[in-house]
Amino acid sequence: SRNAMAWYRQAPGKQRELVASITAGLRT
């Protein structure tokens, strides 16, 4: 509830990248 959260993804041959994030205050 008090953490900003995020989705990441990693494709074959690529580094993990940030896809989307959302703060506790619902900022995306």
mmCIF file of all heavy atoms, coordinates in Angstrom:
data_MODEL
# 
_entry.id   MODEL 
# 
loop_
_atom_site.group_PDB 
_atom_site.id 
_atom_site.type_symbol 
_atom_site.label_atom_id 
_atom_site.label_alt_id 
_atom_site.label_comp_id 
_atom_site.label_asym_id 
_atom_site.label_entity_id 
_atom_site.label_seq_id 
_atom_site.pdbx_PDB_ins_code 
_atom_site.Cartn_x 
_atom_site.Cartn_y 
_atom_site.Cartn_z 
_atom_site.occupancy 
_atom_site.B_iso_or_equiv 
_atom_site.pdbx_formal_charge 
_atom_site.auth_seq_id 
_atom_site.auth_comp_id 
_atom_site.auth_asym_id 
_atom_site.auth_atom_id 
_atom_site.pdbx_PDB_model_num 
ATOM 1   N N   . SER A 1 1  ? 0.796  -1.220  0.000   1.00 0.00 ? 1  SER A N   1 
ATOM 2   C CA  . SER A 1 1  ? 0.000  0.000   0.000   1.00 0.00 ? 1  SER A CA  1 
ATOM 3   C C   . SER A 1 1  ? 0.832  1.275   0.000   1.00 0.00 ? 1  SER A C   1 
ATOM 4   O O   . SER A 1 1  ? 0.417  2.281   -0.586  1.00 0.00 ? 1  SER A O   1 
ATOM 5   C CB  . SER A 1 1  ? -0.962 0.009   1.186   1.00 0.00 ? 1  SER A CB  1 
ATOM 6   O OG  . SER A 1 1  ? -0.255 -0.015  2.416   1.00 0.00 ? 1  SER A OG  1 
ATOM 7   N N   . ARG A 1 2  ? 1.987  1.250   0.633   1.00 0.00 ? 2  ARG A N   1 
ATOM 8   C CA  . ARG A 1 2  ? 2.820  2.446   0.714   1.00 0.00 ? 2  ARG A CA  1 
ATOM 9   C C   . ARG A 1 2  ? 4.005  2.421   -0.246  1.00 0.00 ? 2  ARG A C   1 
ATOM 10  O O   . ARG A 1 2  ? 4.877  3.289   -0.183  1.00 0.00 ? 2  ARG A O   1 
ATOM 11  C CB  . ARG A 1 2  ? 3.304  2.655   2.151   1.00 0.00 ? 2  ARG A CB  1 
ATOM 12  C CG  . ARG A 1 2  ? 2.196  3.098   3.097   1.00 0.00 ? 2  ARG A CG  1 
ATOM 13  C CD  . ARG A 1 2  ? 2.701  3.316   4.502   1.00 0.00 ? 2  ARG A CD  1 
ATOM 14  N NE  . ARG A 1 2  ? 2.914  2.064   5.208   1.00 0.00 ? 2  ARG A NE  1 
ATOM 15  C CZ  . ARG A 1 2  ? 3.308  1.967   6.468   1.00 0.00 ? 2  ARG A CZ  1 
ATOM 16  N NH1 . ARG A 1 2  ? 3.548  3.075   7.181   1.00 0.00 ? 2  ARG A NH1 1 
ATOM 17  N NH2 . ARG A 1 2  ? 3.480  0.780   7.030   1.00 0.00 ? 2  ARG A NH2 1 
ATOM 18  N N   . ASN A 1 3  ? 4.017  1.469   -1.139  1.00 0.00 ? 3  ASN A N   1 
ATOM 19  C CA  . ASN A 1 3  ? 5.114  1.326   -2.091  1.00 0.00 ? 3  ASN A CA  1 
ATOM 20  C C   . ASN A 1 3  ? 4.706  1.720   -3.498  1.00 0.00 ? 3  ASN A C   1 
ATOM 21  O O   . ASN A 1 3  ? 3.610  1.374   -3.955  1.00 0.00 ? 3  ASN A O   1 
ATOM 22  C CB  . ASN A 1 3  ? 5.613  -0.118  -2.118  1.00 0.00 ? 3  ASN A CB  1 
ATOM 23  C CG  . ASN A 1 3  ? 6.411  -0.489  -0.900  1.00 0.00 ? 3  ASN A CG  1 
ATOM 24  O OD1 . ASN A 1 3  ? 7.362  0.204   -0.541  1.00 0.00 ? 3  ASN A OD1 1 
ATOM 25  N ND2 . ASN A 1 3  ? 6.041  -1.582  -0.260  1.00 0.00 ? 3  ASN A ND2 1 
ATOM 26  N N   . ALA A 1 4  ? 5.582  2.423   -4.171  1.00 0.00 ? 4  ALA A N   1 
ATOM 27  C CA  . ALA A 1 4  ? 5.437  2.560   -5.612  1.00 0.00 ? 4  ALA A CA  1 
ATOM 28  C C   . ALA A 1 4  ? 5.785  1.214   -6.238  1.00 0.00 ? 4  ALA A C   1 
ATOM 29  O O   . ALA A 1 4  ? 6.768  0.582   -5.852  1.00 0.00 ? 4  ALA A O   1 
ATOM 30  C CB  . ALA A 1 4  ? 6.350  3.649   -6.150  1.00 0.00 ? 4  ALA A CB  1 
ATOM 31  N N   . MET A 1 5  ? 4.967  0.778   -7.175  1.00 0.00 ? 5  MET A N   1 
ATOM 32  C CA  . MET A 1 5  ? 5.160  -0.521  -7.798  1.00 0.00 ? 5  MET A CA  1 
ATOM 33  C C   . MET A 1 5  ? 5.386  -0.374  -9.292  1.00 0.00 ? 5  MET A C   1 
ATOM 34  O O   . MET A 1 5  ? 5.022  0.637   -9.902  1.00 0.00 ? 5  MET A O   1 
ATOM 35  C CB  . MET A 1 5  ? 3.935  -1.409  -7.540  1.00 0.00 ? 5  MET A CB  1 
ATOM 36  C CG  . MET A 1 5  ? 3.681  -1.711  -6.079  1.00 0.00 ? 5  MET A CG  1 
ATOM 37  S SD  . MET A 1 5  ? 5.041  -2.660  -5.328  1.00 0.00 ? 5  MET A SD  1 
ATOM 38  C CE  . MET A 1 5  ? 4.997  -4.166  -6.310  1.00 0.00 ? 5  MET A CE  1 
ATOM 39  N N   . ALA A 1 6  ? 5.966  -1.396  -9.872  1.00 0.00 ? 6  ALA A N   1 
ATOM 40  C CA  . ALA A 1 6  ? 6.280  -1.331  -11.293 1.00 0.00 ? 6  ALA A CA  1 
ATOM 41  C C   . ALA A 1 6  ? 6.227  -2.703  -11.930 1.00 0.00 ? 6  ALA A C   1 
ATOM 42  O O   . ALA A 1 6  ? 6.406  -3.727  -11.265 1.00 0.00 ? 6  ALA A O   1 
ATOM 43  C CB  . ALA A 1 6  ? 7.662  -0.714  -11.510 1.00 0.00 ? 6  ALA A CB  1 
ATOM 44  N N   . TRP A 1 7  ? 5.979  -2.694  -13.225 1.00 0.00 ? 7  TRP A N   1 
ATOM 45  C CA  . TRP A 1 7  ? 6.120  -3.869  -14.069 1.00 0.00 ? 7  TRP A CA  1 
ATOM 46  C C   . TRP A 1 7  ? 7.374  -3.714  -14.916 1.00 0.00 ? 7  TRP A C   1 
ATOM 47  O O   . TRP A 1 7  ? 7.642  -2.631  -15.453 1.00 0.00 ? 7  TRP A O   1 
ATOM 48  C CB  . TRP A 1 7  ? 4.904  -4.061  -14.977 1.00 0.00 ? 7  TRP A CB  1 
ATOM 49  C CG  . TRP A 1 7  ? 3.704  -4.603  -14.271 1.00 0.00 ? 7  TRP A CG  1 
ATOM 50  C CD1 . TRP A 1 7  ? 2.671  -3.900  -13.734 1.00 0.00 ? 7  TRP A CD1 1 
ATOM 51  C CD2 . TRP A 1 7  ? 3.414  -5.987  -14.041 1.00 0.00 ? 7  TRP A CD2 1 
ATOM 52  N NE1 . TRP A 1 7  ? 1.749  -4.752  -13.185 1.00 0.00 ? 7  TRP A NE1 1 
ATOM 53  C CE2 . TRP A 1 7  ? 2.183  -6.034  -13.349 1.00 0.00 ? 7  TRP A CE2 1 
ATOM 54  C CE3 . TRP A 1 7  ? 4.069  -7.179  -14.343 1.00 0.00 ? 7  TRP A CE3 1 
ATOM 55  C CZ2 . TRP A 1 7  ? 1.589  -7.245  -12.965 1.00 0.00 ? 7  TRP A CZ2 1 
ATOM 56  C CZ3 . TRP A 1 7  ? 3.489  -8.377  -13.958 1.00 0.00 ? 7  TRP A CZ3 1 
ATOM 57  C CH2 . TRP A 1 7  ? 2.264  -8.400  -13.278 1.00 0.00 ? 7  TRP A CH2 1 
ATOM 58  N N   . TYR A 1 8  ? 8.115  -4.787  -15.034 1.00 0.00 ? 8  TYR A N   1 
ATOM 59  C CA  . TYR A 1 8  ? 9.297  -4.862  -15.860 1.00 0.00 ? 8  TYR A CA  1 
ATOM 60  C C   . TYR A 1 8  ? 9.135  -6.011  -16.840 1.00 0.00 ? 8  TYR A C   1 
ATOM 61  O O   . TYR A 1 8  ? 8.320  -6.902  -16.633 1.00 0.00 ? 8  TYR A O   1 
ATOM 62  C CB  . TYR A 1 8  ? 10.553 -5.099  -15.018 1.00 0.00 ? 8  TYR A CB  1 
ATOM 63  C CG  . TYR A 1 8  ? 10.769 -4.101  -13.898 1.00 0.00 ? 8  TYR A CG  1 
ATOM 64  C CD1 . TYR A 1 8  ? 10.093 -4.227  -12.689 1.00 0.00 ? 8  TYR A CD1 1 
ATOM 65  C CD2 . TYR A 1 8  ? 11.661 -3.041  -14.047 1.00 0.00 ? 8  TYR A CD2 1 
ATOM 66  C CE1 . TYR A 1 8  ? 10.296 -3.318  -11.656 1.00 0.00 ? 8  TYR A CE1 1 
ATOM 67  C CE2 . TYR A 1 8  ? 11.872 -2.141  -13.022 1.00 0.00 ? 8  TYR A CE2 1 
ATOM 68  C CZ  . TYR A 1 8  ? 11.191 -2.284  -11.829 1.00 0.00 ? 8  TYR A CZ  1 
ATOM 69  O OH  . TYR A 1 8  ? 11.399 -1.385  -10.808 1.00 0.00 ? 8  TYR A OH  1 
ATOM 70  N N   . ARG A 1 9  ? 9.935  -6.002  -17.884 1.00 0.00 ? 9  ARG A N   1 
ATOM 71  C CA  . ARG A 1 9  ? 9.922  -7.127  -18.804 1.00 0.00 ? 9  ARG A CA  1 
ATOM 72  C C   . ARG A 1 9  ? 11.317 -7.383  -19.339 1.00 0.00 ? 9  ARG A C   1 
ATOM 73  O O   . ARG A 1 9  ? 12.155 -6.480  -19.393 1.00 0.00 ? 9  ARG A O   1 
ATOM 74  C CB  . ARG A 1 9  ? 8.945  -6.909  -19.963 1.00 0.00 ? 9  ARG A CB  1 
ATOM 75  C CG  . ARG A 1 9  ? 9.341  -5.801  -20.940 1.00 0.00 ? 9  ARG A CG  1 
ATOM 76  C CD  . ARG A 1 9  ? 8.242  -5.584  -21.962 1.00 0.00 ? 9  ARG A CD  1 
ATOM 77  N NE  . ARG A 1 9  ? 8.583  -4.557  -22.929 1.00 0.00 ? 9  ARG A NE  1 
ATOM 78  C CZ  . ARG A 1 9  ? 7.742  -4.077  -23.838 1.00 0.00 ? 9  ARG A CZ  1 
ATOM 79  N NH1 . ARG A 1 9  ? 6.499  -4.553  -23.905 1.00 0.00 ? 9  ARG A NH1 1 
ATOM 80  N NH2 . ARG A 1 9  ? 8.137  -3.144  -24.690 1.00 0.00 ? 9  ARG A NH2 1 
ATOM 81  N N   . GLN A 1 10 ? 11.541 -8.616  -19.717 1.00 0.00 ? 10 GLN A N   1 
ATOM 82  C CA  . GLN A 1 10 ? 12.819 -9.007  -20.287 1.00 0.00 ? 10 GLN A CA  1 
ATOM 83  C C   . GLN A 1 10 ? 12.578 -9.925  -21.470 1.00 0.00 ? 10 GLN A C   1 
ATOM 84  O O   . GLN A 1 10 ? 12.017 -11.012 -21.324 1.00 0.00 ? 10 GLN A O   1 
ATOM 85  C CB  . GLN A 1 10 ? 13.703 -9.698  -19.250 1.00 0.00 ? 10 GLN A CB  1 
ATOM 86  C CG  . GLN A 1 10 ? 15.106 -9.980  -19.737 1.00 0.00 ? 10 GLN A CG  1 
ATOM 87  C CD  . GLN A 1 10 ? 16.048 -10.368 -18.612 1.00 0.00 ? 10 GLN A CD  1 
ATOM 88  O OE1 . GLN A 1 10 ? 15.623 -10.890 -17.583 1.00 0.00 ? 10 GLN A OE1 1 
ATOM 89  N NE2 . GLN A 1 10 ? 17.323 -10.105 -18.797 1.00 0.00 ? 10 GLN A NE2 1 
ATOM 90  N N   . ALA A 1 11 ? 12.985 -9.473  -22.636 1.00 0.00 ? 11 ALA A N   1 
ATOM 91  C CA  . ALA A 1 11 ? 12.876 -10.252 -23.854 1.00 0.00 ? 11 ALA A CA  1 
ATOM 92  C C   . ALA A 1 11 ? 14.184 -10.995 -24.089 1.00 0.00 ? 11 ALA A C   1 
ATOM 93  O O   . ALA A 1 11 ? 15.240 -10.590 -23.587 1.00 0.00 ? 11 ALA A O   1 
ATOM 94  C CB  . ALA A 1 11 ? 12.561 -9.347  -25.035 1.00 0.00 ? 11 ALA A CB  1 
ATOM 95  N N   . PRO A 1 12 ? 14.149 -12.081 -24.861 1.00 0.00 ? 12 PRO A N   1 
ATOM 96  C CA  . PRO A 1 12 ? 15.376 -12.824 -25.152 1.00 0.00 ? 12 PRO A CA  1 
ATOM 97  C C   . PRO A 1 12 ? 16.450 -11.931 -25.753 1.00 0.00 ? 12 PRO A C   1 
ATOM 98  O O   . PRO A 1 12 ? 16.191 -11.171 -26.689 1.00 0.00 ? 12 PRO A O   1 
ATOM 99  C CB  . PRO A 1 12 ? 14.916 -13.884 -26.153 1.00 0.00 ? 12 PRO A CB  1 
ATOM 100 C CG  . PRO A 1 12 ? 13.471 -14.085 -25.841 1.00 0.00 ? 12 PRO A CG  1 
ATOM 101 C CD  . PRO A 1 12 ? 12.967 -12.720 -25.466 1.00 0.00 ? 12 PRO A CD  1 
ATOM 102 N N   . GLY A 1 13 ? 17.648 -11.992 -25.197 1.00 0.00 ? 13 GLY A N   1 
ATOM 103 C CA  . GLY A 1 13 ? 18.755 -11.203 -25.699 1.00 0.00 ? 13 GLY A CA  1 
ATOM 104 C C   . GLY A 1 13 ? 18.748 -9.753  -25.278 1.00 0.00 ? 13 GLY A C   1 
ATOM 105 O O   . GLY A 1 13 ? 19.611 -8.990  -25.725 1.00 0.00 ? 13 GLY A O   1 
ATOM 106 N N   . LYS A 1 14 ? 17.809 -9.363  -24.447 1.00 0.00 ? 14 LYS A N   1 
ATOM 107 C CA  . LYS A 1 14 ? 17.722 -7.981  -24.003 1.00 0.00 ? 14 LYS A CA  1 
ATOM 108 C C   . LYS A 1 14 ? 17.789 -7.889  -22.482 1.00 0.00 ? 14 LYS A C   1 
ATOM 109 O O   . LYS A 1 14 ? 17.529 -8.857  -21.777 1.00 0.00 ? 14 LYS A O   1 
ATOM 110 C CB  . LYS A 1 14 ? 16.427 -7.331  -24.491 1.00 0.00 ? 14 LYS A CB  1 
ATOM 111 C CG  . LYS A 1 14 ? 16.345 -7.103  -25.983 1.00 0.00 ? 14 LYS A CG  1 
ATOM 112 C CD  . LYS A 1 14 ? 15.107 -6.300  -26.334 1.00 0.00 ? 14 LYS A CD  1 
ATOM 113 C CE  . LYS A 1 14 ? 15.061 -5.938  -27.797 1.00 0.00 ? 14 LYS A CE  1 
ATOM 114 N NZ  . LYS A 1 14 ? 13.870 -5.108  -28.113 1.00 0.00 ? 14 LYS A NZ  1 
ATOM 115 N N   . GLN A 1 15 ? 18.138 -6.706  -22.000 1.00 0.00 ? 15 GLN A N   1 
ATOM 116 C CA  . GLN A 1 15 ? 18.135 -6.450  -20.573 1.00 0.00 ? 15 GLN A CA  1 
ATOM 117 C C   . GLN A 1 15 ? 16.716 -6.194  -20.082 1.00 0.00 ? 15 GLN A C   1 
ATOM 118 O O   . GLN A 1 15 ? 15.834 -5.816  -20.855 1.00 0.00 ? 15 GLN A O   1 
ATOM 119 C CB  . GLN A 1 15 ? 19.013 -5.244  -20.240 1.00 0.00 ? 15 GLN A CB  1 
ATOM 120 C CG  . GLN A 1 15 ? 20.498 -5.465  -20.453 1.00 0.00 ? 15 GLN A CG  1 
ATOM 121 C CD  . GLN A 1 15 ? 21.328 -4.311  -19.953 1.00 0.00 ? 15 GLN A CD  1 
ATOM 122 O OE1 . GLN A 1 15 ? 20.991 -3.151  -20.181 1.00 0.00 ? 15 GLN A OE1 1 
ATOM 123 N NE2 . GLN A 1 15 ? 22.411 -4.622  -19.263 1.00 0.00 ? 15 GLN A NE2 1 
ATOM 124 N N   . ARG A 1 16 ? 16.512 -6.402  -18.798 1.00 0.00 ? 16 ARG A N   1 
ATOM 125 C CA  . ARG A 1 16 ? 15.222 -6.115  -18.196 1.00 0.00 ? 16 ARG A CA  1 
ATOM 126 C C   . ARG A 1 16 ? 14.955 -4.612  -18.271 1.00 0.00 ? 16 ARG A C   1 
ATOM 127 O O   . ARG A 1 16 ? 15.836 -3.797  -17.993 1.00 0.00 ? 16 ARG A O   1 
ATOM 128 C CB  . ARG A 1 16 ? 15.205 -6.599  -16.748 1.00 0.00 ? 16 ARG A CB  1 
ATOM 129 C CG  . ARG A 1 16 ? 13.873 -6.433  -16.056 1.00 0.00 ? 16 ARG A CG  1 
ATOM 130 C CD  . ARG A 1 16 ? 13.737 -7.380  -14.865 1.00 0.00 ? 16 ARG A CD  1 
ATOM 131 N NE  . ARG A 1 16 ? 14.965 -7.471  -14.093 1.00 0.00 ? 16 ARG A NE  1 
ATOM 132 C CZ  . ARG A 1 16 ? 15.430 -8.580  -13.544 1.00 0.00 ? 16 ARG A CZ  1 
ATOM 133 N NH1 . ARG A 1 16 ? 14.763 -9.720  -13.689 1.00 0.00 ? 16 ARG A NH1 1 
ATOM 134 N NH2 . ARG A 1 16 ? 16.553 -8.570  -12.853 1.00 0.00 ? 16 ARG A NH2 1 
ATOM 135 N N   . GLU A 1 17 ? 13.750 -4.241  -18.655 1.00 0.00 ? 17 GLU A N   1 
ATOM 136 C CA  . GLU A 1 17 ? 13.394 -2.847  -18.796 1.00 0.00 ? 17 GLU A CA  1 
ATOM 137 C C   . GLU A 1 17 ? 12.126 -2.517  -18.026 1.00 0.00 ? 17 GLU A C   1 
ATOM 138 O O   . GLU A 1 17 ? 11.255 -3.361  -17.829 1.00 0.00 ? 17 GLU A O   1 
ATOM 139 C CB  . GLU A 1 17 ? 13.202 -2.475  -20.273 1.00 0.00 ? 17 GLU A CB  1 
ATOM 140 C CG  . GLU A 1 17 ? 12.038 -3.184  -20.949 1.00 0.00 ? 17 GLU A CG  1 
ATOM 141 C CD  . GLU A 1 17 ? 11.774 -2.696  -22.361 1.00 0.00 ? 17 GLU A CD  1 
ATOM 142 O OE1 . GLU A 1 17 ? 12.177 -1.562  -22.692 1.00 0.00 ? 17 GLU A OE1 1 
ATOM 143 O OE2 . GLU A 1 17 ? 11.163 -3.455  -23.142 1.00 0.00 ? 17 GLU A OE2 1 
ATOM 144 N N   . LEU A 1 18 ? 12.029 -1.273  -17.602 1.00 0.00 ? 18 LEU A N   1 
ATOM 145 C CA  . LEU A 1 18 ? 10.843 -0.789  -16.913 1.00 0.00 ? 18 LEU A CA  1 
ATOM 146 C C   . LEU A 1 18 ? 9.733  -0.551  -17.916 1.00 0.00 ? 18 LEU A C   1 
ATOM 147 O O   . LEU A 1 18 ? 9.931  0.126   -18.928 1.00 0.00 ? 18 LEU A O   1 
ATOM 148 C CB  . LEU A 1 18 ? 11.169 0.502   -16.162 1.00 0.00 ? 18 LEU A CB  1 
ATOM 149 C CG  . LEU A 1 18 ? 10.022 1.169   -15.411 1.00 0.00 ? 18 LEU A CG  1 
ATOM 150 C CD1 . LEU A 1 18 ? 9.571  0.299   -14.240 1.00 0.00 ? 18 LEU A CD1 1 
ATOM 151 C CD2 . LEU A 1 18 ? 10.453 2.544   -14.907 1.00 0.00 ? 18 LEU A CD2 1 
ATOM 152 N N   . VAL A 1 19 ? 8.570  -1.091  -17.630 1.00 0.00 ? 19 VAL A N   1 
ATOM 153 C CA  . VAL A 1 19 ? 7.419  -0.962  -18.511 1.00 0.00 ? 19 VAL A CA  1 
ATOM 154 C C   . VAL A 1 19 ? 6.455  0.104   -18.012 1.00 0.00 ? 19 VAL A C   1 
ATOM 155 O O   . VAL A 1 19 ? 6.011  0.969   -18.770 1.00 0.00 ? 19 VAL A O   1 
ATOM 156 C CB  . VAL A 1 19 ? 6.679  -2.306  -18.654 1.00 0.00 ? 19 VAL A CB  1 
ATOM 157 C CG1 . VAL A 1 19 ? 5.401  -2.145  -19.484 1.00 0.00 ? 19 VAL A CG1 1 
ATOM 158 C CG2 . VAL A 1 19 ? 7.600  -3.346  -19.281 1.00 0.00 ? 19 VAL A CG2 1 
ATOM 159 N N   . ALA A 1 20 ? 6.108  0.032   -16.733 1.00 0.00 ? 20 ALA A N   1 
ATOM 160 C CA  . ALA A 1 20 ? 5.137  0.956   -16.156 1.00 0.00 ? 20 ALA A CA  1 
ATOM 161 C C   . ALA A 1 20 ? 5.311  0.992   -14.654 1.00 0.00 ? 20 ALA A C   1 
ATOM 162 O O   . ALA A 1 20 ? 5.759  0.020   -14.047 1.00 0.00 ? 20 ALA A O   1 
ATOM 163 C CB  . ALA A 1 20 ? 3.707  0.540   -16.509 1.00 0.00 ? 20 ALA A CB  1 
ATOM 164 N N   . SER A 1 21 ? 4.957  2.105   -14.050 1.00 0.00 ? 21 SER A N   1 
ATOM 165 C CA  . SER A 1 21 ? 5.034  2.239   -12.602 1.00 0.00 ? 21 SER A CA  1 
ATOM 166 C C   . SER A 1 21 ? 3.816  2.981   -12.083 1.00 0.00 ? 21 SER A C   1 
ATOM 167 O O   . SER A 1 21 ? 3.163  3.727   -12.818 1.00 0.00 ? 21 SER A O   1 
ATOM 168 C CB  . SER A 1 21 ? 6.316  2.953   -12.174 1.00 0.00 ? 21 SER A CB  1 
ATOM 169 O OG  . SER A 1 21 ? 6.344  4.283   -12.657 1.00 0.00 ? 21 SER A OG  1 
ATOM 170 N N   . ILE A 1 22 ? 3.529  2.766   -10.805 1.00 0.00 ? 22 ILE A N   1 
ATOM 171 C CA  . ILE A 1 22 ? 2.422  3.449   -10.162 1.00 0.00 ? 22 ILE A CA  1 
ATOM 172 C C   . ILE A 1 22 ? 2.804  3.721   -8.714  1.00 0.00 ? 22 ILE A C   1 
ATOM 173 O O   . ILE A 1 22 ? 3.282  2.837   -8.006  1.00 0.00 ? 22 ILE A O   1 
ATOM 174 C CB  . ILE A 1 22 ? 1.111  2.623   -10.255 1.00 0.00 ? 22 ILE A CB  1 
ATOM 175 C CG1 . ILE A 1 22 ? -0.051 3.384   -9.617  1.00 0.00 ? 22 ILE A CG1 1 
ATOM 176 C CG2 . ILE A 1 22 ? 1.286  1.238   -9.630  1.00 0.00 ? 22 ILE A CG2 1 
ATOM 177 C CD1 . ILE A 1 22 ? -1.408 2.768   -9.936  1.00 0.00 ? 22 ILE A CD1 1 
ATOM 178 N N   . THR A 1 23 ? 2.624  4.961   -8.273  1.00 0.00 ? 23 THR A N   1 
ATOM 179 C CA  . THR A 1 23 ? 2.973  5.338   -6.917  1.00 0.00 ? 23 THR A CA  1 
ATOM 180 C C   . THR A 1 23 ? 1.825  5.038   -5.969  1.00 0.00 ? 23 THR A C   1 
ATOM 181 O O   . THR A 1 23 ? 0.722  4.683   -6.374  1.00 0.00 ? 23 THR A O   1 
ATOM 182 C CB  . THR A 1 23 ? 3.321  6.826   -6.829  1.00 0.00 ? 23 THR A CB  1 
ATOM 183 O OG1 . THR A 1 23 ? 2.132  7.605   -7.064  1.00 0.00 ? 23 THR A OG1 1 
ATOM 184 C CG2 . THR A 1 23 ? 4.387  7.204   -7.843  1.00 0.00 ? 23 THR A CG2 1 
ATOM 185 N N   . ALA A 1 24 ? 2.101  5.205   -4.666  1.00 0.00 ? 24 ALA A N   1 
ATOM 186 C CA  . ALA A 1 24 ? 1.050  5.031   -3.672  1.00 0.00 ? 24 ALA A CA  1 
ATOM 187 C C   . ALA A 1 24 ? -0.078 6.028   -3.878  1.00 0.00 ? 24 ALA A C   1 
ATOM 188 O O   . ALA A 1 24 ? -1.229 5.747   -3.539  1.00 0.00 ? 24 ALA A O   1 
ATOM 189 C CB  . ALA A 1 24 ? 1.633  5.168   -2.265  1.00 0.00 ? 24 ALA A CB  1 
ATOM 190 N N   . GLY A 1 25 ? 0.246  7.189   -4.432  1.00 0.00 ? 25 GLY A N   1 
ATOM 191 C CA  . GLY A 1 25 ? -0.749 8.201   -4.738  1.00 0.00 ? 25 GLY A CA  1 
ATOM 192 C C   . GLY A 1 25 ? -1.379 8.041   -6.102  1.00 0.00 ? 25 GLY A C   1 
ATOM 193 O O   . GLY A 1 25 ? -2.085 8.947   -6.555  1.00 0.00 ? 25 GLY A O   1 
ATOM 194 N N   . LEU A 1 26 ? -1.120 6.925   -6.777  1.00 0.00 ? 26 LEU A N   1 
ATOM 195 C CA  . LEU A 1 26 ? -1.726 6.547   -8.056  1.00 0.00 ? 26 LEU A CA  1 
ATOM 196 C C   . LEU A 1 26 ? -1.187 7.343   -9.243  1.00 0.00 ? 26 LEU A C   1 
ATOM 197 O O   . LEU A 1 26 ? -1.807 7.368   -10.308 1.00 0.00 ? 26 LEU A O   1 
ATOM 198 C CB  . LEU A 1 26 ? -3.251 6.653   -7.998  1.00 0.00 ? 26 LEU A CB  1 
ATOM 199 C CG  . LEU A 1 26 ? -3.941 5.835   -6.899  1.00 0.00 ? 26 LEU A CG  1 
ATOM 200 C CD1 . LEU A 1 26 ? -5.451 5.972   -7.000  1.00 0.00 ? 26 LEU A CD1 1 
ATOM 201 C CD2 . LEU A 1 26 ? -3.519 4.374   -6.980  1.00 0.00 ? 26 LEU A CD2 1 
ATOM 202 N N   . ARG A 1 27 ? -0.047 7.959   -9.078  1.00 0.00 ? 27 ARG A N   1 
ATOM 203 C CA  . ARG A 1 27 ? 0.622  8.570   -10.221 1.00 0.00 ? 27 ARG A CA  1 
ATOM 204 C C   . ARG A 1 27 ? 1.253  7.467   -11.056 1.00 0.00 ? 27 ARG A C   1 
ATOM 205 O O   . ARG A 1 27 ? 1.892  6.561   -10.522 1.00 0.00 ? 27 ARG A O   1 
ATOM 206 C CB  . ARG A 1 27 ? 1.684  9.555   -9.751  1.00 0.00 ? 27 ARG A CB  1 
ATOM 207 C CG  . ARG A 1 27 ? 2.473  10.224  -10.862 1.00 0.00 ? 27 ARG A CG  1 
ATOM 208 C CD  . ARG A 1 27 ? 3.503  11.168  -10.272 1.00 0.00 ? 27 ARG A CD  1 
ATOM 209 N NE  . ARG A 1 27 ? 2.861  12.275  -9.560  1.00 0.00 ? 27 ARG A NE  1 
ATOM 210 C CZ  . ARG A 1 27 ? 3.482  13.082  -8.721  1.00 0.00 ? 27 ARG A CZ  1 
ATOM 211 N NH1 . ARG A 1 27 ? 4.769  12.906  -8.457  1.00 0.00 ? 27 ARG A NH1 1 
ATOM 212 N NH2 . ARG A 1 27 ? 2.824  14.062  -8.126  1.00 0.00 ? 27 ARG A NH2 1 
ATOM 213 N N   . THR A 1 28 ? 1.076  7.532   -12.365 1.00 0.00 ? 28 THR A N   1 
ATOM 214 C CA  . THR A 1 28 ? 1.567  6.480   -13.247 1.00 0.00 ? 28 THR A CA  1 
ATOM 215 C C   . THR A 1 28 ? 2.583  7.011   -14.240 1.00 0.00 ? 28 THR A C   1 
ATOM 216 O O   . THR A 1 28 ? 2.609  8.203   -14.566 1.00 0.00 ? 28 THR A O   1 
ATOM 217 C CB  . THR A 1 28 ? 0.418  5.813   -14.019 1.00 0.00 ? 28 THR A CB  1 
ATOM 218 O OG1 . THR A 1 28 ? -0.274 6.799   -14.795 1.00 0.00 ? 28 THR A OG1 1 
ATOM 219 C CG2 . THR A 1 28 ? -0.561 5.160   -13.062 1.00 0.00 ? 28 THR A CG2 1 
# 
